[in-house]
Protein backbone atom coordinates (compact mmCIF):
# COMPACT_ATOMS: atom_id res chain seq x y z
CA UNK A 1 0.00 0.00 0.00
CA UNK A 2 1.40 3.40 -1.01
CA UNK A 3 0.46 6.70 0.65
CA UNK A 4 -0.47 9.30 -1.99
CA UNK A 5 -1.99 12.45 -0.51
CA UNK A 6 -4.11 14.06 2.17
CA UNK A 7 -6.48 17.00 2.66
CA UNK A 8 -8.63 18.72 5.26
CA UNK A 9 -12.35 18.52 4.54
CA UNK A 10 -15.10 20.70 6.02
CA UNK A 11 -18.86 20.47 6.45
CA UNK A 12 -21.24 23.18 7.63
CA UNK A 13 -24.09 21.69 9.67
CA UNK A 14 -27.32 22.95 11.22
CA UNK A 15 -27.52 25.97 8.89
CA UNK A 16 -24.09 27.16 9.96
CA UNK A 17 -24.41 26.60 13.71
CA UNK A 18 -21.42 24.25 13.60
CA UNK A 19 -18.55 23.61 11.25
CA UNK A 20 -16.94 20.19 11.27
CA UNK A 21 -13.47 19.40 9.93
CA UNK A 22 -11.57 16.17 9.44
CA UNK A 23 -8.51 14.92 7.58
CA UNK A 24 -8.70 12.48 4.68
CA UNK A 25 -5.74 10.31 3.65
CA UNK A 26 -5.45 8.52 0.31
CA UNK A 27 -3.58 5.30 -0.46
CA UNK A 28 -3.21 3.09 -3.49
CA UNK A 29 -2.86 -0.66 -3.56
CA UNK A 30 -3.22 -3.34 -6.23
CA UNK A 31 -7.00 -2.97 -6.18
CA UNK A 32 -7.17 0.83 -6.45
CA UNK A 33 -7.56 3.93 -4.31
CA UNK A 34 -8.29 3.60 -0.59
CA UNK A 35 -9.19 6.27 1.94
CA UNK A 36 -8.68 6.75 5.67
CA UNK A 37 -10.23 9.49 7.81
CA UNK A 38 -9.41 11.17 11.07
CA UNK A 39 -12.04 11.75 13.74
CA UNK A 40 -14.37 14.71 13.10
CA UNK A 41 -13.60 17.91 15.02
CA UNK A 42 -15.94 20.85 15.65
CA UNK A 43 -14.29 24.14 14.68
CA UNK A 44 -13.81 26.21 17.83
CA UNK A 45 -13.99 23.25 20.22
CA UNK A 46 -11.23 22.69 22.75
CA UNK A 47 -9.71 19.83 20.74
CA UNK A 48 -9.91 21.43 17.26
CA UNK A 49 -6.21 22.41 17.35
CA UNK A 50 -5.39 18.69 17.55
CA UNK A 51 -6.63 18.16 14.00
CA UNK A 52 -3.83 20.05 12.24
CA UNK A 53 -1.13 19.15 14.77
CA UNK A 54 -1.91 15.44 14.65
CA UNK A 55 -2.62 15.36 10.90
CA UNK A 56 0.86 16.66 10.10
CA UNK A 57 2.45 14.09 12.43
CA UNK A 58 0.43 11.29 10.81
CA UNK A 59 1.38 12.48 7.30
CA UNK A 60 5.08 12.37 8.20
CA UNK A 61 4.69 8.87 9.65
CA UNK A 62 2.84 7.66 6.54
CA UNK A 63 5.53 9.12 4.27
CA UNK A 64 8.11 7.27 6.36
CA UNK A 65 6.34 3.98 5.60
CA UNK A 66 4.15 3.47 8.67
CA UNK A 67 0.87 1.63 8.08
CA UNK A 68 -2.49 3.41 8.37
CA UNK A 69 -3.69 0.82 10.87
CA UNK A 70 -0.86 1.87 13.19
CA UNK A 71 -1.03 5.67 12.89
CA UNK A 72 -4.82 6.15 12.70
CA UNK A 73 -4.97 5.83 16.49
CA UNK A 74 -2.68 8.84 16.97
CA UNK A 75 -5.43 11.48 16.87
CA UNK A 76 -6.16 13.13 20.21
CA UNK A 77 -9.71 14.08 21.14
CA UNK A 78 -11.35 15.40 24.27
CA UNK A 79 -14.32 13.35 25.34
PDB file of N, CA and C in Angstrom:
ATOM      1  N   UNK A   1       0.839  -1.170   0.000  1.00  0.00           N
ATOM      2  CA  UNK A   1       0.000   0.000   0.000  1.00  0.00           C
ATOM      3  C   UNK A   1       0.892   1.244   0.000  1.00  0.00           C
ATOM      4  N   UNK A   2       0.587   2.198  -0.872  1.00  0.00           N
ATOM      5  CA  UNK A   2       1.400   3.399  -1.015  1.00  0.00           C
ATOM      6  C   UNK A   2       0.579   4.635  -0.656  1.00  0.00           C
ATOM      7  N   UNK A   3       1.101   5.437   0.268  1.00  0.00           N
ATOM      8  CA  UNK A   3       0.460   6.699   0.648  1.00  0.00           C
ATOM      9  C   UNK A   3       0.607   7.689  -0.498  1.00  0.00           C
ATOM     10  N   UNK A   4      -0.508   8.361  -0.872  1.00  0.00           N
ATOM     11  CA  UNK A   4      -0.465   9.299  -1.989  1.00  0.00           C
ATOM     12  C   UNK A   4      -0.666  10.747  -1.588  1.00  0.00           C
ATOM     13  N   UNK A   5      -1.714  11.045  -0.827  1.00  0.00           N
ATOM     14  CA  UNK A   5      -1.989  12.446  -0.509  1.00  0.00           C
ATOM     15  C   UNK A   5      -2.938  12.550   0.681  1.00  0.00           C
ATOM     16  N   UNK A   6      -3.193  13.795   1.075  1.00  0.00           N
ATOM     17  CA  UNK A   6      -4.112  14.059   2.168  1.00  0.00           C
ATOM     18  C   UNK A   6      -4.746  15.430   1.957  1.00  0.00           C
ATOM     19  N   UNK A   7      -5.850  15.686   2.688  1.00  0.00           N
ATOM     20  CA  UNK A   7      -6.478  17.003   2.658  1.00  0.00           C
ATOM     21  C   UNK A   7      -7.364  17.158   3.885  1.00  0.00           C
ATOM     22  N   UNK A   8      -7.672  18.407   4.207  1.00  0.00           N
ATOM     23  CA  UNK A   8      -8.628  18.718   5.259  1.00  0.00           C
ATOM     24  C   UNK A   8      -9.964  18.976   4.593  1.00  0.00           C
ATOM     25  N   UNK A   9     -11.011  18.338   5.081  1.00  0.00           N
ATOM     26  CA  UNK A   9     -12.350  18.524   4.537  1.00  0.00           C
ATOM     27  C   UNK A   9     -13.195  19.234   5.580  1.00  0.00           C
ATOM     28  N   UNK A  10     -14.270  19.884   5.139  1.00  0.00           N
ATOM     29  CA  UNK A  10     -15.098  20.703   6.020  1.00  0.00           C
ATOM     30  C   UNK A  10     -16.556  20.532   5.650  1.00  0.00           C
ATOM     31  N   UNK A  11     -17.415  20.553   6.665  1.00  0.00           N
ATOM     32  CA  UNK A  11     -18.855  20.472   6.453  1.00  0.00           C
ATOM     33  C   UNK A  11     -19.540  21.468   7.383  1.00  0.00           C
ATOM     34  N   UNK A  12     -20.452  22.247   6.835  1.00  0.00           N
ATOM     35  CA  UNK A  12     -21.243  23.180   7.630  1.00  0.00           C
ATOM     36  C   UNK A  12     -22.562  22.485   7.951  1.00  0.00           C
ATOM     37  N   UNK A  13     -22.893  22.412   9.245  1.00  0.00           N
ATOM     38  CA  UNK A  13     -24.094  21.691   9.674  1.00  0.00           C
ATOM     39  C   UNK A  13     -25.045  22.622  10.410  1.00  0.00           C
ATOM     40  N   UNK A  14     -26.279  22.197  10.496  1.00  0.00           N
ATOM     41  CA  UNK A  14     -27.318  22.953  11.217  1.00  0.00           C
ATOM     42  C   UNK A  14     -27.376  24.405  10.773  1.00  0.00           C
ATOM     43  N   UNK A  15     -27.433  24.620   9.456  1.00  0.00           N
ATOM     44  CA  UNK A  15     -27.524  25.971   8.890  1.00  0.00           C
ATOM     45  C   UNK A  15     -26.423  26.900   9.385  1.00  0.00           C
ATOM     46  N   UNK A  16     -25.243  26.350   9.587  1.00  0.00           N
ATOM     47  CA  UNK A  16     -24.094  27.162   9.963  1.00  0.00           C
ATOM     48  C   UNK A  16     -23.839  27.259  11.450  1.00  0.00           C
ATOM     49  N   UNK A  17     -24.636  26.567  12.261  1.00  0.00           N
ATOM     50  CA  UNK A  17     -24.414  26.603  13.709  1.00  0.00           C
ATOM     51  C   UNK A  17     -23.099  25.949  14.098  1.00  0.00           C
ATOM     52  N   UNK A  18     -22.686  24.925  13.347  1.00  0.00           N
ATOM     53  CA  UNK A  18     -21.419  24.246  13.601  1.00  0.00           C
ATOM     54  C   UNK A  18     -20.697  24.001  12.288  1.00  0.00           C
ATOM     55  N   UNK A  19     -19.387  23.997  12.379  1.00  0.00           N
ATOM     56  CA  UNK A  19     -18.547  23.615  11.247  1.00  0.00           C
ATOM     57  C   UNK A  19     -17.687  22.455  11.714  1.00  0.00           C
ATOM     58  N   UNK A  20     -17.729  21.377  10.951  1.00  0.00           N
ATOM     59  CA  UNK A  20     -16.942  20.188  11.267  1.00  0.00           C
ATOM     60  C   UNK A  20     -15.778  20.096  10.298  1.00  0.00           C
ATOM     61  N   UNK A  21     -14.633  19.644  10.786  1.00  0.00           N
ATOM     62  CA  UNK A  21     -13.469  19.399   9.934  1.00  0.00           C
ATOM     63  C   UNK A  21     -12.865  18.050  10.274  1.00  0.00           C
ATOM     64  N   UNK A  22     -12.272  17.439   9.257  1.00  0.00           N
ATOM     65  CA  UNK A  22     -11.572  16.174   9.435  1.00  0.00           C
ATOM     66  C   UNK A  22     -10.518  16.061   8.340  1.00  0.00           C
ATOM     67  N   UNK A  23      -9.559  15.165   8.563  1.00  0.00           N
ATOM     68  CA  UNK A  23      -8.509  14.916   7.577  1.00  0.00           C
ATOM     69  C   UNK A  23      -8.842  13.639   6.817  1.00  0.00           C
ATOM     70  N   UNK A  24      -8.532  13.662   5.525  1.00  0.00           N
ATOM     71  CA  UNK A  24      -8.696  12.477   4.684  1.00  0.00           C
ATOM     72  C   UNK A  24      -7.331  12.106   4.117  1.00  0.00           C
ATOM     73  N   UNK A  25      -7.029  10.830   4.115  1.00  0.00           N
ATOM     74  CA  UNK A  25      -5.740  10.310   3.654  1.00  0.00           C
ATOM     75  C   UNK A  25      -6.012   9.307   2.543  1.00  0.00           C
ATOM     76  N   UNK A  26      -5.218   9.369   1.477  1.00  0.00           N
ATOM     77  CA  UNK A  26      -5.454   8.519   0.313  1.00  0.00           C
ATOM     78  C   UNK A  26      -4.261   7.611   0.062  1.00  0.00           C
ATOM     79  N   UNK A  27      -4.572   6.345  -0.218  1.00  0.00           N
ATOM     80  CA  UNK A  27      -3.575   5.299  -0.460  1.00  0.00           C
ATOM     81  C   UNK A  27      -3.935   4.572  -1.740  1.00  0.00           C
ATOM     82  N   UNK A  28      -2.957   3.924  -2.318  1.00  0.00           N
ATOM     83  CA  UNK A  28      -3.213   3.092  -3.486  1.00  0.00           C
ATOM     84  C   UNK A  28      -2.602   1.717  -3.234  1.00  0.00           C
ATOM     85  N   UNK A  29      -3.384   0.692  -3.586  1.00  0.00           N
ATOM     86  CA  UNK A  29      -2.857  -0.663  -3.556  1.00  0.00           C
ATOM     87  C   UNK A  29      -3.191  -1.331  -4.882  1.00  0.00           C
ATOM     88  N   UNK A  30      -2.998  -2.624  -4.974  1.00  0.00           N
ATOM     89  CA  UNK A  30      -3.224  -3.342  -6.232  1.00  0.00           C
ATOM     90  C   UNK A  30      -4.663  -3.251  -6.721  1.00  0.00           C
ATOM     91  N   UNK A  31      -5.592  -3.010  -5.808  1.00  0.00           N
ATOM     92  CA  UNK A  31      -7.002  -2.970  -6.182  1.00  0.00           C
ATOM     93  C   UNK A  31      -7.540  -1.558  -6.390  1.00  0.00           C
ATOM     94  N   UNK A  32      -6.716  -0.536  -6.187  1.00  0.00           N
ATOM     95  CA  UNK A  32      -7.167   0.825  -6.446  1.00  0.00           C
ATOM     96  C   UNK A  32      -6.942   1.770  -5.285  1.00  0.00           C
ATOM     97  N   UNK A  33      -7.707   2.859  -5.279  1.00  0.00           N
ATOM     98  CA  UNK A  33      -7.564   3.925  -4.306  1.00  0.00           C
ATOM     99  C   UNK A  33      -8.332   3.599  -3.029  1.00  0.00           C
ATOM    100  N   UNK A  34      -7.685   3.804  -1.900  1.00  0.00           N
ATOM    101  CA  UNK A  34      -8.293   3.601  -0.593  1.00  0.00           C
ATOM    102  C   UNK A  34      -8.272   4.917   0.168  1.00  0.00           C
ATOM    103  N   UNK A  35      -9.108   5.034   1.183  1.00  0.00           N
ATOM    104  CA  UNK A  35      -9.192   6.269   1.937  1.00  0.00           C
ATOM    105  C   UNK A  35      -9.272   5.977   3.428  1.00  0.00           C
ATOM    106  N   UNK A  36      -8.575   6.792   4.220  1.00  0.00           N
ATOM    107  CA  UNK A  36      -8.685   6.750   5.667  1.00  0.00           C
ATOM    108  C   UNK A  36      -9.083   8.125   6.153  1.00  0.00           C
ATOM    109  N   UNK A  37      -9.775   8.198   7.285  1.00  0.00           N
ATOM    110  CA  UNK A  37     -10.231   9.489   7.806  1.00  0.00           C
ATOM    111  C   UNK A  37      -9.884   9.623   9.279  1.00  0.00           C
ATOM    112  N   UNK A  38      -9.615  10.859   9.662  1.00  0.00           N
ATOM    113  CA  UNK A  38      -9.414  11.171  11.071  1.00  0.00           C
ATOM    114  C   UNK A  38     -10.772  11.269  11.751  1.00  0.00           C
ATOM    115  N   UNK A  39     -10.786  11.407  13.074  1.00  0.00           N
ATOM    116  CA  UNK A  39     -12.044  11.750  13.738  1.00  0.00           C
ATOM    117  C   UNK A  39     -12.524  13.117  13.246  1.00  0.00           C
ATOM    118  N   UNK A  40     -13.793  13.416  13.464  1.00  0.00           N
ATOM    119  CA  UNK A  40     -14.371  14.708  13.097  1.00  0.00           C
ATOM    120  C   UNK A  40     -14.223  15.660  14.284  1.00  0.00           C
ATOM    121  N   UNK A  41     -13.790  16.888  13.999  1.00  0.00           N
ATOM    122  CA  UNK A  41     -13.604  17.910  15.022  1.00  0.00           C
ATOM    123  C   UNK A  41     -14.530  19.089  14.739  1.00  0.00           C
ATOM    124  N   UNK A  42     -15.108  19.659  15.785  1.00  0.00           N
ATOM    125  CA  UNK A  42     -15.936  20.846  15.649  1.00  0.00           C
ATOM    126  C   UNK A  42     -15.019  22.062  15.721  1.00  0.00           C
ATOM    127  N   UNK A  43     -15.105  22.934  14.705  1.00  0.00           N
ATOM    128  CA  UNK A  43     -14.287  24.139  14.681  1.00  0.00           C
ATOM    129  C   UNK A  43     -14.642  24.987  15.904  1.00  0.00           C
ATOM    130  N   UNK A  44     -13.611  25.398  16.636  1.00  0.00           N
ATOM    131  CA  UNK A  44     -13.812  26.207  17.829  1.00  0.00           C
ATOM    132  C   UNK A  44     -13.848  25.404  19.120  1.00  0.00           C
ATOM    133  N   UNK A  45     -13.975  24.089  19.022  1.00  0.00           N
ATOM    134  CA  UNK A  45     -13.989  23.248  20.222  1.00  0.00           C
ATOM    135  C   UNK A  45     -12.583  23.147  20.806  1.00  0.00           C
ATOM    136  N   UNK A  46     -12.520  22.716  22.053  1.00  0.00           N
ATOM    137  CA  UNK A  46     -11.231  22.693  22.752  1.00  0.00           C
ATOM    138  C   UNK A  46     -10.208  21.774  22.098  1.00  0.00           C
ATOM    139  N   UNK A  47     -10.659  20.760  21.359  1.00  0.00           N
ATOM    140  CA  UNK A  47      -9.711  19.828  20.739  1.00  0.00           C
ATOM    141  C   UNK A  47      -9.473  20.102  19.251  1.00  0.00           C
ATOM    142  N   UNK A  48     -10.042  21.166  18.700  1.00  0.00           N
ATOM    143  CA  UNK A  48      -9.907  21.434  17.260  1.00  0.00           C
ATOM    144  C   UNK A  48      -8.451  21.602  16.844  1.00  0.00           C
ATOM    145  N   UNK A  49      -7.623  22.219  17.690  1.00  0.00           N
ATOM    146  CA  UNK A  49      -6.212  22.406  17.351  1.00  0.00           C
ATOM    147  C   UNK A  49      -5.493  21.078  17.117  1.00  0.00           C
ATOM    148  N   UNK A  50      -6.007  20.008  17.716  1.00  0.00           N
ATOM    149  CA  UNK A  50      -5.387  18.687  17.553  1.00  0.00           C
ATOM    150  C   UNK A  50      -5.459  18.205  16.106  1.00  0.00           C
ATOM    151  N   UNK A  51      -6.470  18.641  15.374  1.00  0.00           N
ATOM    152  CA  UNK A  51      -6.631  18.164  13.997  1.00  0.00           C
ATOM    153  C   UNK A  51      -5.388  18.453  13.170  1.00  0.00           C
ATOM    154  N   UNK A  52      -4.989  19.714  13.083  1.00  0.00           N
ATOM    155  CA  UNK A  52      -3.825  20.050  12.242  1.00  0.00           C
ATOM    156  C   UNK A  52      -2.529  19.506  12.838  1.00  0.00           C
ATOM    157  N   UNK A  53      -2.356  19.640  14.148  1.00  0.00           N
ATOM    158  CA  UNK A  53      -1.127  19.145  14.771  1.00  0.00           C
ATOM    159  C   UNK A  53      -0.952  17.645  14.532  1.00  0.00           C
ATOM    160  N   UNK A  54      -2.008  16.889  14.778  1.00  0.00           N
ATOM    161  CA  UNK A  54      -1.906  15.439  14.650  1.00  0.00           C
ATOM    162  C   UNK A  54      -1.892  14.990  13.194  1.00  0.00           C
ATOM    163  N   UNK A  55      -2.614  15.706  12.328  1.00  0.00           N
ATOM    164  CA  UNK A  55      -2.619  15.355  10.902  1.00  0.00           C
ATOM    165  C   UNK A  55      -1.213  15.446  10.329  1.00  0.00           C
ATOM    166  N   UNK A  56      -0.500  16.512  10.632  1.00  0.00           N
ATOM    167  CA  UNK A  56       0.860  16.660  10.100  1.00  0.00           C
ATOM    168  C   UNK A  56       1.786  15.564  10.620  1.00  0.00           C
ATOM    169  N   UNK A  57       1.637  15.185  11.888  1.00  0.00           N
ATOM    170  CA  UNK A  57       2.446  14.085  12.430  1.00  0.00           C
ATOM    171  C   UNK A  57       2.136  12.769  11.714  1.00  0.00           C
ATOM    172  N   UNK A  58       0.839  12.522  11.486  1.00  0.00           N
ATOM    173  CA  UNK A  58       0.429  11.287  10.811  1.00  0.00           C
ATOM    174  C   UNK A  58       0.948  11.267   9.373  1.00  0.00           C
ATOM    175  N   UNK A  59       0.878  12.405   8.675  1.00  0.00           N
ATOM    176  CA  UNK A  59       1.380  12.483   7.298  1.00  0.00           C
ATOM    177  C   UNK A  59       2.865  12.127   7.261  1.00  0.00           C
ATOM    178  N   UNK A  60       3.645  12.682   8.182  1.00  0.00           N
ATOM    179  CA  UNK A  60       5.079  12.366   8.203  1.00  0.00           C
ATOM    180  C   UNK A  60       5.309  10.881   8.468  1.00  0.00           C
ATOM    181  N   UNK A  61       4.532  10.298   9.365  1.00  0.00           N
ATOM    182  CA  UNK A  61       4.689   8.868   9.648  1.00  0.00           C
ATOM    183  C   UNK A  61       4.318   8.023   8.433  1.00  0.00           C
ATOM    184  N   UNK A  62       3.243   8.406   7.738  1.00  0.00           N
ATOM    185  CA  UNK A  62       2.837   7.660   6.544  1.00  0.00           C
ATOM    186  C   UNK A  62       3.896   7.757   5.448  1.00  0.00           C
ATOM    187  N   UNK A  63       4.465   8.945   5.281  1.00  0.00           N
ATOM    188  CA  UNK A  63       5.526   9.118   4.274  1.00  0.00           C
ATOM    189  C   UNK A  63       6.767   8.315   4.620  1.00  0.00           C
ATOM    190  N   UNK A  64       6.965   8.072   5.916  1.00  0.00           N
ATOM    191  CA  UNK A  64       8.108   7.272   6.360  1.00  0.00           C
ATOM    192  C   UNK A  64       7.823   5.779   6.317  1.00  0.00           C
ATOM    193  N   UNK A  65       6.640   5.386   5.799  1.00  0.00           N
ATOM    194  CA  UNK A  65       6.342   3.979   5.598  1.00  0.00           C
ATOM    195  C   UNK A  65       5.483   3.310   6.653  1.00  0.00           C
ATOM    196  N   UNK A  66       5.030   4.062   7.663  1.00  0.00           N
ATOM    197  CA  UNK A  66       4.148   3.468   8.668  1.00  0.00           C
ATOM    198  C   UNK A  66       2.830   3.068   8.019  1.00  0.00           C
ATOM    199  N   UNK A  67       2.156   2.087   8.596  1.00  0.00           N
ATOM    200  CA  UNK A  67       0.870   1.631   8.079  1.00  0.00           C
ATOM    201  C   UNK A  67      -0.264   2.456   8.684  1.00  0.00           C
ATOM    202  N   UNK A  68      -1.323   2.659   7.898  1.00  0.00           N
ATOM    203  CA  UNK A  68      -2.487   3.412   8.367  1.00  0.00           C
ATOM    204  C   UNK A  68      -3.064   2.801   9.645  1.00  0.00           C
ATOM    205  N   UNK A  69      -3.129   1.494   9.715  1.00  0.00           N
ATOM    206  CA  UNK A  69      -3.689   0.820  10.874  1.00  0.00           C
ATOM    207  C   UNK A  69      -2.936   1.170  12.152  1.00  0.00           C
ATOM    208  N   UNK A  70      -1.672   1.510  12.036  1.00  0.00           N
ATOM    209  CA  UNK A  70      -0.857   1.875  13.190  1.00  0.00           C
ATOM    210  C   UNK A  70      -1.059   3.340  13.561  1.00  0.00           C
ATOM    211  N   UNK A  71      -1.020   4.232  12.593  1.00  0.00           N
ATOM    212  CA  UNK A  71      -1.034   5.671  12.888  1.00  0.00           C
ATOM    213  C   UNK A  71      -2.429   6.258  13.043  1.00  0.00           C
ATOM    214  N   UNK A  72      -3.467   5.572  12.613  1.00  0.00           N
ATOM    215  CA  UNK A  72      -4.819   6.147  12.703  1.00  0.00           C
ATOM    216  C   UNK A  72      -5.269   6.325  14.145  1.00  0.00           C
ATOM    217  N   UNK A  73      -4.614   5.693  15.077  1.00  0.00           N
ATOM    218  CA  UNK A  73      -4.969   5.831  16.490  1.00  0.00           C
ATOM    219  C   UNK A  73      -4.261   7.009  17.154  1.00  0.00           C
ATOM    220  N   UNK A  74      -3.485   7.760  16.398  1.00  0.00           N
ATOM    221  CA  UNK A  74      -2.681   8.837  16.966  1.00  0.00           C
ATOM    222  C   UNK A  74      -3.390  10.180  17.057  1.00  0.00           C
ATOM    223  N   UNK A  75      -4.686  10.222  16.772  1.00  0.00           N
ATOM    224  CA  UNK A  75      -5.425  11.476  16.867  1.00  0.00           C
ATOM    225  C   UNK A  75      -5.964  11.659  18.285  1.00  0.00           C
ATOM    226  N   UNK A  76      -5.642  12.810  18.880  1.00  0.00           N
ATOM    227  CA  UNK A  76      -6.162  13.132  20.211  1.00  0.00           C
ATOM    228  C   UNK A  76      -7.556  13.722  20.076  1.00  0.00           C
ATOM    229  N   UNK A  77      -8.386  13.459  21.049  1.00  0.00           N
ATOM    230  CA  UNK A  77      -9.707  14.082  21.140  1.00  0.00           C
ATOM    231  C   UNK A  77     -10.097  14.209  22.594  1.00  0.00           C
ATOM    232  N   UNK A  78     -10.789  15.302  22.917  1.00  0.00           N
ATOM    233  CA  UNK A  78     -11.350  15.403  24.271  1.00  0.00           C
ATOM    234  C   UNK A  78     -12.717  14.741  24.243  1.00  0.00           C
ATOM    235  N   UNK A  79     -13.071  14.102  25.304  1.00  0.00           N
ATOM    236  CA  UNK A  79     -14.324  13.350  25.339  1.00  0.00           C
ATOM    237  C   UNK A  79     -15.266  13.947  26.366  1.00  0.00           C
TER     238      UNK A  79
END
